Amino acid sequence: MRSSRSIVNVLKGDLSLVGPRPPPPREVADCPSDLRRRLVVKPGLTGLRRVLAAVPCHPNSAMDPP
């Protein structure tokens, strides 16, 4: 159920597929003005690091034996 709500939010444009997690309200309140620029980025369902971890670094690495 939760994932279907998240997909609906992506379709509405409230979330992106890949992006940072939304910051907690306290973090937003304590954020210095020079760092608020990063809060403009639309939050996502998953982070870039997780996506990149799923991609093999070398084209033949999936073929290599364990």
Protein backbone atom coordinates (compact mmCIF):
# COMPACT_ATOMS: atom_id res chain seq x y z
CA MET A 1 0.00 0.00 0.00
CA ARG A 2 2.78 2.41 0.90
CA SER A 3 4.61 1.90 -2.40
CA SER A 4 1.44 2.52 -4.40
CA ARG A 5 0.98 5.86 -2.59
CA SER A 6 4.57 6.70 -3.41
CA ILE A 7 4.05 5.92 -7.09
CA VAL A 8 0.96 8.15 -7.07
CA ASN A 9 3.11 10.96 -5.62
CA VAL A 10 5.65 10.43 -8.42
CA LEU A 11 2.89 10.63 -11.03
CA LYS A 12 1.53 13.81 -9.40
CA GLY A 13 5.02 15.33 -9.44
CA ASP A 14 5.47 15.57 -5.67
CA LEU A 15 8.34 13.03 -5.68
CA SER A 16 10.96 11.99 -8.19
CA LEU A 17 12.04 8.39 -8.73
CA VAL A 18 15.64 9.09 -7.72
CA GLY A 19 16.49 11.85 -5.29
CA PRO A 20 17.37 12.60 -1.69
CA ARG A 21 15.10 11.61 1.15
CA PRO A 22 12.97 14.48 2.42
CA PRO A 23 14.70 16.16 5.37
CA PRO A 24 12.98 16.18 8.76
CA PRO A 25 11.28 19.50 9.64
CA ARG A 26 13.81 20.19 12.42
CA GLU A 27 16.68 19.88 9.95
CA VAL A 28 14.97 22.35 7.62
CA ALA A 29 14.45 24.83 10.44
CA ASP A 30 18.10 24.57 11.54
CA CYS A 31 19.54 24.71 8.01
CA PRO A 32 21.77 27.77 7.43
CA SER A 33 20.68 30.02 4.59
CA ASP A 34 23.74 29.19 2.46
CA LEU A 35 22.82 25.47 2.51
CA ARG A 36 19.09 25.86 1.79
CA ARG A 37 19.80 25.44 -1.92
CA ARG A 38 19.93 21.67 -1.46
CA LEU A 39 16.39 21.71 -0.04
CA VAL A 40 15.08 22.82 -3.45
CA VAL A 41 15.79 19.37 -4.93
CA LYS A 42 12.65 17.26 -5.18
CA PRO A 43 12.74 14.29 -2.80
CA GLY A 44 12.78 10.83 -4.34
CA LEU A 45 11.71 7.26 -3.76
CA THR A 46 15.29 6.01 -3.75
CA GLY A 47 18.70 7.59 -3.57
CA LEU A 48 21.34 7.84 -6.27
CA ARG A 49 23.79 5.76 -4.25
CA ARG A 50 21.36 2.83 -4.15
CA VAL A 51 20.76 3.05 -7.89
CA LEU A 52 24.47 3.19 -8.67
CA ALA A 53 25.17 0.23 -6.38
CA ALA A 54 22.86 -1.89 -8.53
CA VAL A 55 24.81 -1.10 -11.72
CA PRO A 56 27.93 -3.20 -12.39
CA CYS A 57 31.08 -1.11 -12.71
CA HIS A 58 32.51 -3.15 -15.57
CA PRO A 59 30.46 -4.42 -18.52
CA ASN A 60 31.79 -7.98 -18.05
CA SER A 61 31.48 -8.06 -14.26
CA ALA A 62 28.07 -9.74 -14.40
CA MET A 63 29.67 -12.56 -16.39
CA ASP A 64 32.54 -13.13 -13.96
CA PRO A 65 32.22 -16.17 -11.68
CA PRO A 66 31.70 -15.39 -7.97
